[in-house]
N, C-alpha and C. Protein backbone atom coordinates (compact mmCIF):
# COMPACT_ATOMS: atom_id res chain seq x y z
N MET A 1 12.38 61.68 -44.64
CA MET A 1 11.86 60.80 -43.59
C MET A 1 11.91 59.33 -44.00
N ALA A 2 11.67 59.06 -45.28
CA ALA A 2 11.73 57.68 -45.76
C ALA A 2 13.13 57.10 -45.58
N ALA A 3 14.14 57.91 -45.89
CA ALA A 3 15.53 57.47 -45.72
C ALA A 3 15.86 57.27 -44.25
N PHE A 4 15.32 58.15 -43.41
CA PHE A 4 15.54 58.04 -41.97
C PHE A 4 15.00 56.71 -41.44
N HIS A 5 13.77 56.38 -41.82
CA HIS A 5 13.18 55.13 -41.36
C HIS A 5 13.87 53.92 -41.98
N GLN A 6 14.35 54.08 -43.21
CA GLN A 6 15.10 52.99 -43.83
C GLN A 6 16.37 52.70 -43.03
N GLY A 7 17.06 53.76 -42.63
CA GLY A 7 18.27 53.59 -41.84
C GLY A 7 17.98 52.93 -40.50
N LEU A 8 16.89 53.32 -39.86
CA LEU A 8 16.50 52.67 -38.60
C LEU A 8 16.21 51.19 -38.83
N GLY A 9 15.50 50.90 -39.92
CA GLY A 9 15.15 49.52 -40.22
C GLY A 9 16.37 48.66 -40.44
N GLU A 10 17.40 49.23 -41.07
CA GLU A 10 18.62 48.48 -41.35
C GLU A 10 19.38 48.12 -40.08
N THR A 11 19.11 48.85 -38.99
CA THR A 11 19.76 48.55 -37.72
C THR A 11 18.82 47.84 -36.75
N GLY A 12 17.65 47.41 -37.28
CA GLY A 12 16.75 46.61 -36.46
C GLY A 12 15.62 47.35 -35.77
N TYR A 13 15.46 48.64 -36.06
CA TYR A 13 14.39 49.41 -35.44
C TYR A 13 13.27 49.64 -36.45
N VAL A 14 12.09 49.17 -36.13
CA VAL A 14 10.94 49.26 -37.04
C VAL A 14 9.85 50.09 -36.38
N GLU A 15 9.42 51.14 -37.06
CA GLU A 15 8.37 52.02 -36.53
C GLU A 15 7.11 51.21 -36.22
N GLY A 16 6.59 51.40 -35.01
CA GLY A 16 5.38 50.71 -34.60
C GLY A 16 5.62 49.37 -33.96
N GLN A 17 6.85 48.86 -34.08
CA GLN A 17 7.17 47.56 -33.47
C GLN A 17 8.07 47.73 -32.24
N ASN A 18 9.24 48.31 -32.46
CA ASN A 18 10.15 48.49 -31.33
C ASN A 18 10.69 49.91 -31.23
N VAL A 19 10.10 50.83 -31.97
CA VAL A 19 10.50 52.23 -31.87
C VAL A 19 9.31 53.11 -32.27
N ALA A 20 9.19 54.24 -31.61
CA ALA A 20 8.15 55.22 -31.93
C ALA A 20 8.83 56.57 -32.15
N THR A 21 8.38 57.31 -33.15
CA THR A 21 8.99 58.59 -33.49
C THR A 21 8.02 59.73 -33.22
N GLU A 22 8.49 60.73 -32.48
CA GLU A 22 7.72 61.96 -32.24
C GLU A 22 8.25 63.03 -33.19
N TYR A 23 7.36 63.67 -33.94
CA TYR A 23 7.79 64.69 -34.90
C TYR A 23 7.40 66.08 -34.40
N ARG A 24 8.30 67.01 -34.58
CA ARG A 24 8.02 68.42 -34.27
C ARG A 24 8.58 69.25 -35.42
N TRP A 25 7.75 70.14 -35.96
CA TRP A 25 8.16 70.96 -37.10
C TRP A 25 8.05 72.44 -36.75
N ALA A 26 9.10 73.19 -36.98
CA ALA A 26 9.06 74.64 -36.74
C ALA A 26 8.65 75.41 -37.99
N GLU A 27 8.68 74.74 -39.15
CA GLU A 27 8.27 75.35 -40.42
C GLU A 27 8.99 76.66 -40.71
N GLY A 28 10.29 76.67 -40.40
CA GLY A 28 11.10 77.84 -40.69
C GLY A 28 11.02 78.94 -39.66
N HIS A 29 10.21 78.76 -38.61
CA HIS A 29 10.07 79.78 -37.56
C HIS A 29 10.97 79.39 -36.39
N TYR A 30 12.15 79.97 -36.35
CA TYR A 30 13.15 79.56 -35.37
C TYR A 30 12.73 79.86 -33.94
N ASP A 31 11.84 80.84 -33.74
CA ASP A 31 11.42 81.17 -32.39
C ASP A 31 10.61 80.04 -31.75
N ARG A 32 10.12 79.11 -32.55
CA ARG A 32 9.35 77.97 -32.02
C ARG A 32 10.26 76.84 -31.52
N LEU A 33 11.50 76.85 -31.92
CA LEU A 33 12.38 75.72 -31.65
C LEU A 33 12.62 75.43 -30.16
N PRO A 34 12.87 76.44 -29.32
CA PRO A 34 13.12 76.12 -27.90
C PRO A 34 11.96 75.37 -27.25
N ALA A 35 10.72 75.80 -27.54
CA ALA A 35 9.57 75.13 -26.94
C ALA A 35 9.41 73.71 -27.48
N LEU A 36 9.68 73.52 -28.78
CA LEU A 36 9.57 72.19 -29.36
C LEU A 36 10.61 71.24 -28.76
N ALA A 37 11.83 71.75 -28.60
CA ALA A 37 12.89 70.92 -28.01
C ALA A 37 12.57 70.59 -26.56
N ALA A 38 12.08 71.58 -25.82
CA ALA A 38 11.73 71.35 -24.41
C ALA A 38 10.61 70.32 -24.29
N ASP A 39 9.67 70.35 -25.23
CA ASP A 39 8.57 69.38 -25.21
C ASP A 39 9.09 67.96 -25.39
N LEU A 40 10.04 67.78 -26.32
CA LEU A 40 10.61 66.45 -26.54
C LEU A 40 11.38 65.97 -25.32
N VAL A 41 12.11 66.89 -24.70
CA VAL A 41 12.86 66.52 -23.48
C VAL A 41 11.88 66.11 -22.39
N GLY A 42 10.77 66.84 -22.28
CA GLY A 42 9.76 66.53 -21.27
C GLY A 42 9.11 65.17 -21.49
N ARG A 43 9.10 64.72 -22.72
CA ARG A 43 8.54 63.40 -23.03
C ARG A 43 9.55 62.28 -22.81
N LYS A 44 10.76 62.67 -22.37
CA LYS A 44 11.81 61.70 -22.04
C LYS A 44 12.14 60.77 -23.22
N VAL A 45 12.32 61.36 -24.38
CA VAL A 45 12.70 60.57 -25.55
C VAL A 45 14.11 60.03 -25.35
N ASP A 46 14.46 59.00 -26.08
CA ASP A 46 15.78 58.38 -25.94
C ASP A 46 16.85 59.06 -26.77
N VAL A 47 16.47 59.67 -27.87
CA VAL A 47 17.42 60.38 -28.72
C VAL A 47 16.67 61.45 -29.50
N ILE A 48 17.34 62.56 -29.78
CA ILE A 48 16.76 63.64 -30.56
C ILE A 48 17.56 63.79 -31.85
N VAL A 49 16.87 63.77 -32.97
CA VAL A 49 17.49 63.97 -34.28
C VAL A 49 17.02 65.32 -34.81
N THR A 50 17.95 66.19 -35.19
CA THR A 50 17.57 67.50 -35.72
C THR A 50 17.99 67.61 -37.18
N VAL A 51 17.13 68.17 -37.98
CA VAL A 51 17.46 68.49 -39.37
C VAL A 51 17.15 69.97 -39.56
N GLY A 52 17.59 70.51 -40.69
CA GLY A 52 17.32 71.93 -40.91
C GLY A 52 18.45 72.84 -40.48
N GLY A 53 19.62 72.27 -40.19
CA GLY A 53 20.79 73.10 -39.95
C GLY A 53 21.07 73.43 -38.49
N THR A 54 21.71 74.56 -38.29
CA THR A 54 22.23 74.95 -36.98
C THR A 54 21.16 75.29 -35.95
N PRO A 55 20.14 76.09 -36.27
CA PRO A 55 19.18 76.52 -35.23
C PRO A 55 18.52 75.38 -34.45
N PRO A 56 17.98 74.34 -35.11
CA PRO A 56 17.38 73.27 -34.31
C PRO A 56 18.39 72.50 -33.47
N ALA A 57 19.61 72.38 -33.98
CA ALA A 57 20.65 71.69 -33.20
C ALA A 57 20.99 72.49 -31.94
N LEU A 58 21.09 73.80 -32.08
CA LEU A 58 21.37 74.65 -30.91
C LEU A 58 20.23 74.60 -29.91
N ALA A 59 18.99 74.58 -30.42
CA ALA A 59 17.83 74.52 -29.52
C ALA A 59 17.83 73.21 -28.74
N ALA A 60 18.15 72.12 -29.40
CA ALA A 60 18.20 70.83 -28.72
C ALA A 60 19.31 70.80 -27.68
N LYS A 61 20.46 71.37 -28.03
CA LYS A 61 21.58 71.39 -27.08
C LYS A 61 21.22 72.19 -25.84
N SER A 62 20.51 73.31 -26.03
CA SER A 62 20.12 74.13 -24.88
C SER A 62 19.09 73.44 -24.01
N ALA A 63 18.34 72.52 -24.61
CA ALA A 63 17.25 71.86 -23.87
C ALA A 63 17.72 70.70 -23.02
N THR A 64 18.84 70.07 -23.40
CA THR A 64 19.29 68.90 -22.64
C THR A 64 20.79 68.69 -22.79
N SER A 65 21.40 68.23 -21.72
CA SER A 65 22.82 67.88 -21.74
C SER A 65 23.01 66.38 -21.54
N THR A 66 21.91 65.64 -21.49
CA THR A 66 21.99 64.20 -21.22
C THR A 66 21.42 63.34 -22.35
N ILE A 67 20.33 63.77 -22.98
CA ILE A 67 19.74 62.98 -24.06
C ILE A 67 20.64 63.09 -25.30
N PRO A 68 21.01 61.97 -25.90
CA PRO A 68 21.85 62.02 -27.11
C PRO A 68 21.16 62.80 -28.24
N ILE A 69 21.93 63.63 -28.94
CA ILE A 69 21.41 64.44 -30.04
C ILE A 69 22.23 64.15 -31.29
N VAL A 70 21.54 63.87 -32.37
CA VAL A 70 22.19 63.67 -33.67
C VAL A 70 21.71 64.77 -34.60
N PHE A 71 22.62 65.59 -35.11
CA PHE A 71 22.23 66.71 -35.97
C PHE A 71 22.64 66.44 -37.41
N ALA A 72 22.01 67.15 -38.32
CA ALA A 72 22.35 67.04 -39.74
C ALA A 72 22.33 68.43 -40.36
N PHE A 73 23.12 68.60 -41.44
CA PHE A 73 23.14 69.83 -42.23
C PHE A 73 23.62 71.05 -41.44
N VAL A 74 24.56 70.83 -40.54
CA VAL A 74 25.16 71.93 -39.79
C VAL A 74 26.47 72.31 -40.47
N GLY A 75 26.59 73.56 -40.87
CA GLY A 75 27.75 73.98 -41.65
C GLY A 75 29.05 74.03 -40.88
N ASP A 76 29.01 74.46 -39.62
CA ASP A 76 30.25 74.63 -38.84
C ASP A 76 29.98 74.26 -37.39
N PRO A 77 29.84 72.96 -37.08
CA PRO A 77 29.48 72.55 -35.71
C PRO A 77 30.51 72.94 -34.66
N VAL A 78 31.78 72.99 -35.04
CA VAL A 78 32.82 73.39 -34.08
C VAL A 78 32.76 74.90 -33.86
N GLY A 79 32.72 75.65 -34.93
CA GLY A 79 32.71 77.11 -34.82
C GLY A 79 31.49 77.64 -34.09
N ILE A 80 30.36 76.96 -34.24
CA ILE A 80 29.13 77.42 -33.61
C ILE A 80 29.00 76.94 -32.18
N GLY A 81 29.93 76.07 -31.76
CA GLY A 81 29.93 75.62 -30.37
C GLY A 81 29.09 74.40 -30.07
N LEU A 82 28.71 73.66 -31.10
CA LEU A 82 27.92 72.45 -30.87
C LEU A 82 28.77 71.31 -30.33
N VAL A 83 29.97 71.16 -30.90
CA VAL A 83 30.87 70.08 -30.49
C VAL A 83 32.27 70.63 -30.27
N ALA A 84 33.06 69.87 -29.53
CA ALA A 84 34.42 70.30 -29.24
C ALA A 84 35.33 70.17 -30.45
N SER A 85 35.16 69.09 -31.23
CA SER A 85 35.95 68.88 -32.43
C SER A 85 35.23 67.89 -33.32
N LEU A 86 35.61 67.84 -34.59
CA LEU A 86 34.98 66.89 -35.50
C LEU A 86 35.40 65.46 -35.17
N ALA A 87 36.64 65.28 -34.76
CA ALA A 87 37.13 63.94 -34.45
C ALA A 87 36.57 63.41 -33.14
N ARG A 88 36.47 64.30 -32.14
CA ARG A 88 35.96 63.90 -30.81
C ARG A 88 34.93 64.93 -30.36
N PRO A 89 33.66 64.73 -30.76
CA PRO A 89 32.62 65.71 -30.46
C PRO A 89 32.45 65.98 -28.96
N ALA A 90 32.59 64.93 -28.14
CA ALA A 90 32.39 65.03 -26.68
C ALA A 90 30.92 65.38 -26.40
N GLY A 91 30.58 65.53 -25.14
CA GLY A 91 29.22 65.90 -24.79
C GLY A 91 28.20 64.89 -25.28
N ASN A 92 26.98 65.37 -25.53
CA ASN A 92 25.88 64.48 -25.94
C ASN A 92 25.46 64.72 -27.38
N LEU A 93 26.31 65.40 -28.18
CA LEU A 93 25.97 65.68 -29.57
C LEU A 93 26.94 65.04 -30.54
N THR A 94 26.41 64.59 -31.65
CA THR A 94 27.21 64.15 -32.79
C THR A 94 26.34 64.35 -34.02
N GLY A 95 26.90 64.11 -35.20
CA GLY A 95 26.07 64.28 -36.38
C GLY A 95 26.85 64.46 -37.66
N PHE A 96 26.22 65.13 -38.59
CA PHE A 96 26.76 65.29 -39.93
C PHE A 96 26.89 66.77 -40.27
N SER A 97 28.02 67.12 -40.84
CA SER A 97 28.25 68.51 -41.25
C SER A 97 28.27 68.57 -42.77
N ASN A 98 27.94 69.72 -43.30
CA ASN A 98 28.06 69.94 -44.74
C ASN A 98 28.93 71.17 -44.97
N ILE A 99 29.12 71.53 -46.21
CA ILE A 99 30.03 72.64 -46.51
C ILE A 99 29.31 73.78 -47.20
N THR A 100 28.01 73.91 -46.98
CA THR A 100 27.27 74.95 -47.68
C THR A 100 27.75 76.35 -47.29
N ILE A 101 28.12 76.54 -46.03
CA ILE A 101 28.56 77.86 -45.60
C ILE A 101 29.87 78.24 -46.29
N THR A 102 30.80 77.30 -46.34
CA THR A 102 32.08 77.60 -46.97
C THR A 102 31.96 77.75 -48.48
N LEU A 103 30.84 77.26 -49.06
CA LEU A 103 30.63 77.41 -50.50
C LEU A 103 30.06 78.77 -50.87
N MET A 104 29.56 79.51 -49.92
CA MET A 104 28.91 80.78 -50.23
C MET A 104 29.83 81.75 -50.99
N PRO A 105 31.08 81.95 -50.55
CA PRO A 105 31.96 82.84 -51.33
C PRO A 105 32.16 82.33 -52.76
N LYS A 106 32.19 81.00 -52.92
CA LYS A 106 32.36 80.44 -54.26
C LYS A 106 31.17 80.76 -55.15
N LEU A 107 29.97 80.78 -54.58
CA LEU A 107 28.79 81.14 -55.36
C LEU A 107 28.90 82.55 -55.90
N LEU A 108 29.40 83.46 -55.05
CA LEU A 108 29.59 84.83 -55.52
C LEU A 108 30.61 84.89 -56.64
N GLU A 109 31.70 84.15 -56.49
CA GLU A 109 32.72 84.12 -57.53
C GLU A 109 32.15 83.62 -58.85
N LEU A 110 31.33 82.56 -58.78
CA LEU A 110 30.72 82.02 -59.98
C LEU A 110 29.79 83.05 -60.64
N LEU A 111 29.00 83.71 -59.83
CA LEU A 111 28.07 84.71 -60.37
C LEU A 111 28.81 85.85 -61.03
N SER A 112 29.88 86.30 -60.40
CA SER A 112 30.63 87.42 -60.97
C SER A 112 31.28 87.05 -62.29
N GLU A 113 31.56 85.75 -62.49
CA GLU A 113 32.13 85.30 -63.76
C GLU A 113 31.04 85.09 -64.82
N VAL A 114 29.88 84.57 -64.37
CA VAL A 114 28.78 84.35 -65.31
C VAL A 114 28.14 85.68 -65.72
N VAL A 115 28.06 86.61 -64.79
CA VAL A 115 27.46 87.92 -65.06
C VAL A 115 28.50 89.01 -64.79
N PRO A 116 29.52 89.13 -65.64
CA PRO A 116 30.59 90.09 -65.38
C PRO A 116 30.12 91.54 -65.41
N GLN A 117 28.95 91.78 -66.03
CA GLN A 117 28.44 93.15 -66.10
C GLN A 117 27.74 93.58 -64.82
N ALA A 118 27.57 92.66 -63.87
CA ALA A 118 26.90 92.99 -62.62
C ALA A 118 27.85 93.76 -61.70
N GLY A 119 27.63 95.05 -61.60
CA GLY A 119 28.45 95.86 -60.70
C GLY A 119 28.04 95.70 -59.25
N VAL A 120 26.77 95.33 -59.04
CA VAL A 120 26.25 95.12 -57.70
C VAL A 120 25.68 93.71 -57.60
N ILE A 121 26.13 92.96 -56.61
CA ILE A 121 25.60 91.63 -56.32
C ILE A 121 25.00 91.68 -54.92
N ALA A 122 23.80 91.12 -54.78
CA ALA A 122 23.12 91.12 -53.48
C ALA A 122 23.25 89.77 -52.81
N LEU A 123 23.27 89.78 -51.50
CA LEU A 123 23.29 88.56 -50.68
C LEU A 123 22.06 88.59 -49.80
N LEU A 124 21.23 87.56 -49.87
CA LEU A 124 20.02 87.47 -49.06
C LEU A 124 20.24 86.45 -47.95
N VAL A 125 20.18 86.91 -46.70
CA VAL A 125 20.41 86.03 -45.55
C VAL A 125 19.25 86.14 -44.57
N ASN A 126 19.10 85.11 -43.77
CA ASN A 126 18.11 85.11 -42.69
C ASN A 126 18.80 85.57 -41.42
N PRO A 127 18.46 86.75 -40.88
CA PRO A 127 19.16 87.26 -39.69
C PRO A 127 18.94 86.40 -38.45
N ASN A 128 17.94 85.51 -38.49
CA ASN A 128 17.67 84.64 -37.35
C ASN A 128 18.58 83.41 -37.34
N ASN A 129 19.33 83.22 -38.41
CA ASN A 129 20.27 82.11 -38.49
C ASN A 129 21.58 82.51 -37.83
N PRO A 130 22.08 81.73 -36.87
CA PRO A 130 23.34 82.09 -36.19
C PRO A 130 24.52 82.21 -37.15
N ASN A 131 24.43 81.61 -38.34
CA ASN A 131 25.53 81.67 -39.29
C ASN A 131 25.47 82.90 -40.21
N ALA A 132 24.43 83.71 -40.09
CA ALA A 132 24.22 84.83 -41.02
C ALA A 132 25.40 85.80 -41.01
N GLU A 133 25.90 86.10 -39.82
CA GLU A 133 27.01 87.07 -39.72
C GLU A 133 28.26 86.54 -40.41
N ARG A 134 28.55 85.27 -40.17
CA ARG A 134 29.75 84.69 -40.80
C ARG A 134 29.60 84.64 -42.32
N ILE A 135 28.42 84.23 -42.78
CA ILE A 135 28.18 84.18 -44.22
C ILE A 135 28.37 85.55 -44.84
N SER A 136 27.80 86.57 -44.22
CA SER A 136 27.91 87.94 -44.74
C SER A 136 29.37 88.37 -44.80
N ARG A 137 30.13 88.05 -43.75
CA ARG A 137 31.54 88.44 -43.71
C ARG A 137 32.34 87.74 -44.80
N ASP A 138 32.13 86.43 -44.93
CA ASP A 138 32.91 85.67 -45.91
C ASP A 138 32.58 86.09 -47.35
N VAL A 139 31.30 86.30 -47.62
CA VAL A 139 30.91 86.71 -48.98
C VAL A 139 31.39 88.13 -49.27
N GLN A 140 31.40 88.98 -48.24
CA GLN A 140 31.90 90.34 -48.43
C GLN A 140 33.37 90.32 -48.83
N GLU A 141 34.14 89.45 -48.20
CA GLU A 141 35.56 89.34 -48.54
C GLU A 141 35.73 88.87 -49.97
N ALA A 142 34.90 87.92 -50.40
CA ALA A 142 34.97 87.43 -51.77
C ALA A 142 34.59 88.52 -52.76
N ALA A 143 33.62 89.36 -52.39
CA ALA A 143 33.20 90.45 -53.26
C ALA A 143 34.33 91.47 -53.44
N ARG A 144 35.01 91.77 -52.37
CA ARG A 144 36.15 92.72 -52.47
C ARG A 144 37.22 92.15 -53.39
N ALA A 145 37.49 90.86 -53.24
CA ALA A 145 38.52 90.23 -54.07
C ALA A 145 38.16 90.25 -55.55
N LYS A 146 36.86 90.17 -55.86
CA LYS A 146 36.41 90.18 -57.25
C LYS A 146 36.13 91.59 -57.76
N GLY A 147 36.23 92.56 -56.87
CA GLY A 147 36.03 93.95 -57.29
C GLY A 147 34.58 94.31 -57.57
N VAL A 148 33.64 93.66 -56.88
CA VAL A 148 32.23 93.99 -57.06
C VAL A 148 31.65 94.50 -55.75
N GLN A 149 30.57 95.25 -55.86
CA GLN A 149 29.90 95.79 -54.68
C GLN A 149 28.88 94.78 -54.18
N LEU A 150 28.90 94.52 -52.88
CA LEU A 150 27.96 93.58 -52.29
C LEU A 150 26.95 94.31 -51.43
N ALA A 151 25.67 94.02 -51.66
CA ALA A 151 24.60 94.56 -50.84
C ALA A 151 23.99 93.41 -50.04
N VAL A 152 24.05 93.50 -48.72
CA VAL A 152 23.51 92.44 -47.86
C VAL A 152 22.08 92.77 -47.50
N LEU A 153 21.16 91.89 -47.87
CA LEU A 153 19.74 92.05 -47.56
C LEU A 153 19.34 90.97 -46.56
N LYS A 154 18.48 91.34 -45.61
CA LYS A 154 18.08 90.41 -44.56
C LYS A 154 16.58 90.16 -44.61
N ALA A 155 16.20 88.89 -44.46
CA ALA A 155 14.79 88.53 -44.47
C ALA A 155 14.56 87.30 -43.61
N GLY A 156 13.69 87.43 -42.62
CA GLY A 156 13.35 86.30 -41.77
C GLY A 156 11.88 85.95 -41.82
N THR A 157 11.12 86.66 -42.68
CA THR A 157 9.70 86.39 -42.86
C THR A 157 9.37 86.51 -44.34
N GLU A 158 8.19 86.05 -44.73
CA GLU A 158 7.77 86.15 -46.12
C GLU A 158 7.68 87.59 -46.58
N SER A 159 7.14 88.46 -45.72
CA SER A 159 7.02 89.87 -46.10
C SER A 159 8.38 90.53 -46.25
N GLU A 160 9.35 90.11 -45.43
CA GLU A 160 10.69 90.68 -45.54
C GLU A 160 11.39 90.22 -46.81
N ILE A 161 11.05 89.00 -47.29
CA ILE A 161 11.57 88.55 -48.58
C ILE A 161 11.02 89.43 -49.70
N ASP A 162 9.72 89.75 -49.63
CA ASP A 162 9.12 90.65 -50.62
C ASP A 162 9.83 92.00 -50.63
N ALA A 163 10.08 92.53 -49.43
CA ALA A 163 10.74 93.83 -49.32
C ALA A 163 12.17 93.76 -49.85
N ALA A 164 12.86 92.65 -49.60
CA ALA A 164 14.23 92.50 -50.08
C ALA A 164 14.28 92.52 -51.60
N PHE A 165 13.34 91.85 -52.25
CA PHE A 165 13.31 91.84 -53.72
C PHE A 165 12.96 93.21 -54.28
N ALA A 166 12.15 93.96 -53.55
CA ALA A 166 11.86 95.32 -53.98
C ALA A 166 13.14 96.16 -53.93
N SER A 167 13.99 95.89 -52.94
CA SER A 167 15.25 96.62 -52.82
C SER A 167 16.21 96.29 -53.95
N LEU A 168 16.11 95.07 -54.50
CA LEU A 168 16.98 94.68 -55.60
C LEU A 168 16.83 95.62 -56.79
N VAL A 169 15.59 96.04 -57.03
CA VAL A 169 15.34 96.96 -58.15
C VAL A 169 16.01 98.30 -57.88
N GLN A 170 15.85 98.80 -56.66
CA GLN A 170 16.45 100.09 -56.29
C GLN A 170 17.97 100.04 -56.33
N LEU A 171 18.52 98.89 -55.93
CA LEU A 171 19.98 98.74 -55.90
C LEU A 171 20.56 98.47 -57.29
N GLN A 172 19.67 98.15 -58.24
CA GLN A 172 20.10 97.77 -59.59
C GLN A 172 21.08 96.59 -59.53
N ALA A 173 20.72 95.63 -58.66
CA ALA A 173 21.57 94.43 -58.52
C ALA A 173 21.44 93.55 -59.75
N GLY A 174 22.57 93.06 -60.22
CA GLY A 174 22.56 92.20 -61.39
C GLY A 174 22.62 90.73 -61.04
N ALA A 175 22.80 90.41 -59.76
CA ALA A 175 22.88 89.01 -59.34
C ALA A 175 22.54 88.91 -57.86
N LEU A 176 22.11 87.73 -57.46
CA LEU A 176 21.69 87.50 -56.08
C LEU A 176 22.22 86.16 -55.59
N VAL A 177 22.82 86.16 -54.41
CA VAL A 177 23.24 84.94 -53.73
C VAL A 177 22.29 84.71 -52.57
N VAL A 178 21.71 83.51 -52.47
CA VAL A 178 20.74 83.20 -51.43
C VAL A 178 21.36 82.27 -50.39
N ASP A 179 21.24 82.66 -49.15
CA ASP A 179 21.71 81.87 -48.01
C ASP A 179 21.02 80.49 -48.02
N PRO A 180 21.78 79.37 -47.91
CA PRO A 180 21.18 78.04 -47.89
C PRO A 180 20.57 77.73 -46.54
N ASP A 181 19.72 78.62 -46.09
CA ASP A 181 19.09 78.52 -44.78
C ASP A 181 17.80 77.72 -44.89
N ALA A 182 17.41 77.03 -43.82
CA ALA A 182 16.20 76.21 -43.85
C ALA A 182 14.97 77.05 -44.18
N PHE A 183 14.91 78.26 -43.63
CA PHE A 183 13.77 79.13 -43.92
C PHE A 183 13.74 79.50 -45.40
N MET A 184 14.91 79.86 -45.95
CA MET A 184 14.97 80.21 -47.37
C MET A 184 14.58 79.02 -48.25
N LYS A 185 15.02 77.84 -47.87
CA LYS A 185 14.68 76.65 -48.64
C LYS A 185 13.17 76.40 -48.60
N SER A 186 12.55 76.68 -47.46
CA SER A 186 11.11 76.47 -47.35
C SER A 186 10.33 77.50 -48.14
N ARG A 187 11.00 78.58 -48.56
CA ARG A 187 10.34 79.65 -49.33
C ARG A 187 10.87 79.70 -50.76
N ARG A 188 11.38 78.56 -51.26
CA ARG A 188 11.99 78.56 -52.59
C ARG A 188 11.00 78.95 -53.68
N GLU A 189 9.73 78.55 -53.55
CA GLU A 189 8.75 78.91 -54.56
C GLU A 189 8.51 80.41 -54.59
N GLN A 190 8.48 81.02 -53.42
CA GLN A 190 8.33 82.47 -53.34
C GLN A 190 9.53 83.17 -53.96
N LEU A 191 10.73 82.67 -53.69
CA LEU A 191 11.95 83.27 -54.23
C LEU A 191 11.96 83.20 -55.76
N VAL A 192 11.62 82.02 -56.28
CA VAL A 192 11.62 81.85 -57.74
C VAL A 192 10.57 82.75 -58.38
N ALA A 193 9.38 82.83 -57.76
CA ALA A 193 8.32 83.66 -58.30
C ALA A 193 8.72 85.13 -58.33
N LEU A 194 9.36 85.59 -57.27
CA LEU A 194 9.79 86.99 -57.21
C LEU A 194 10.87 87.28 -58.24
N ALA A 195 11.80 86.32 -58.40
CA ALA A 195 12.88 86.52 -59.37
C ALA A 195 12.38 86.50 -60.80
N SER A 196 11.18 85.95 -61.01
CA SER A 196 10.62 85.84 -62.35
C SER A 196 9.75 87.03 -62.74
N ARG A 197 9.58 87.98 -61.85
CA ARG A 197 8.77 89.15 -62.17
C ARG A 197 9.39 89.93 -63.33
N PRO A 198 8.55 90.57 -64.14
CA PRO A 198 9.05 91.28 -65.33
C PRO A 198 10.17 92.27 -65.05
N ARG A 199 10.14 92.94 -63.90
CA ARG A 199 11.17 93.95 -63.62
C ARG A 199 12.51 93.33 -63.26
N LEU A 200 12.49 92.02 -62.98
CA LEU A 200 13.74 91.34 -62.61
C LEU A 200 14.13 90.28 -63.62
N SER A 201 13.17 89.58 -64.20
CA SER A 201 13.45 88.48 -65.10
C SER A 201 14.32 88.93 -66.26
N GLY A 202 15.38 88.17 -66.49
CA GLY A 202 16.30 88.51 -67.57
C GLY A 202 17.42 89.41 -67.14
N ASP A 203 17.22 90.12 -66.01
CA ASP A 203 18.25 91.04 -65.53
C ASP A 203 18.93 90.52 -64.27
N LEU A 204 18.32 89.53 -63.64
CA LEU A 204 18.83 89.04 -62.37
C LEU A 204 19.21 87.58 -62.47
N TYR A 205 20.41 87.27 -62.03
CA TYR A 205 20.86 85.88 -61.92
C TYR A 205 20.98 85.58 -60.43
N ALA A 206 20.64 84.37 -60.07
CA ALA A 206 20.71 83.99 -58.66
C ALA A 206 21.39 82.64 -58.52
N ALA A 207 22.01 82.45 -57.38
CA ALA A 207 22.69 81.18 -57.10
C ALA A 207 22.39 80.78 -55.68
N ARG A 208 22.22 79.49 -55.49
CA ARG A 208 22.02 78.97 -54.15
C ARG A 208 22.50 77.53 -54.11
N VAL A 209 22.72 77.05 -52.92
CA VAL A 209 23.02 75.64 -52.73
C VAL A 209 21.72 74.98 -52.34
N GLY A 210 21.31 73.96 -53.08
CA GLY A 210 20.03 73.33 -52.78
C GLY A 210 20.06 71.85 -53.05
N ARG A 211 19.03 71.17 -52.59
CA ARG A 211 18.92 69.73 -52.76
C ARG A 211 18.82 69.39 -54.24
N GLY A 212 19.66 68.44 -54.67
CA GLY A 212 19.60 67.99 -56.05
C GLY A 212 20.24 68.94 -57.03
N ARG A 213 21.02 69.90 -56.53
CA ARG A 213 21.63 70.86 -57.43
C ARG A 213 23.10 71.03 -57.06
N ARG A 214 23.96 70.96 -58.05
CA ARG A 214 25.38 71.15 -57.75
C ARG A 214 25.62 72.59 -57.36
N PRO A 215 26.63 72.85 -56.51
CA PRO A 215 26.91 74.21 -56.08
C PRO A 215 27.23 75.16 -57.22
N ASP A 216 27.70 74.63 -58.35
CA ASP A 216 28.08 75.52 -59.44
C ASP A 216 26.94 75.75 -60.43
N GLN A 217 25.74 75.24 -60.11
CA GLN A 217 24.62 75.47 -61.01
C GLN A 217 23.89 76.75 -60.61
N LEU A 218 23.37 77.44 -61.59
CA LEU A 218 22.67 78.68 -61.37
C LEU A 218 21.24 78.54 -61.85
N TRP A 219 20.35 79.30 -61.25
CA TRP A 219 19.00 79.39 -61.81
C TRP A 219 18.72 80.86 -62.09
N ASN A 220 18.00 81.13 -63.16
CA ASN A 220 17.75 82.52 -63.55
C ASN A 220 16.35 82.64 -64.15
């Protein structure tokens, strides 16, 4: 948020003087997004900025076709139907894309090289994320190419994350790839705590794309 306001200030917009910002937070609960977006549209805001990836951007697009929308951290805006093309977005949306989705197969490749003894690698995705199916498909292809078995685990709530980690023990997974989803990022402390449990610590390696961390870095 500090960087956001700095950018506004550099273009002449100062909070409390000539611009006011309305904040809405879904806190990783994607089912709240449509109502939050509709509320902002009802307040007749001049522009909507979405962070947190694809779900909030899609919610904003569904809520209005006239208010300008600027999105951030969307892995595949063309593929997901947000914009017509990267060069000419068209419509009322524009923004910034990242490559976290396309890096997911690379994370599996890195894990399989760092932990060659891992016969089973698990992938943890949020089924509420529109990109979950594509991520699962792409990582599955990478797993086949590396000759390892991939187990896809799904979690969209805190309790489902607990259940997924319990499954890791049963699957005897030697490594875990975590979807760079906004919900997963908001539960990073829970993920680290679960991975540090005695039954997993030392036996499980995990990789994720996160803020301040290069894609090729691992945490264990």
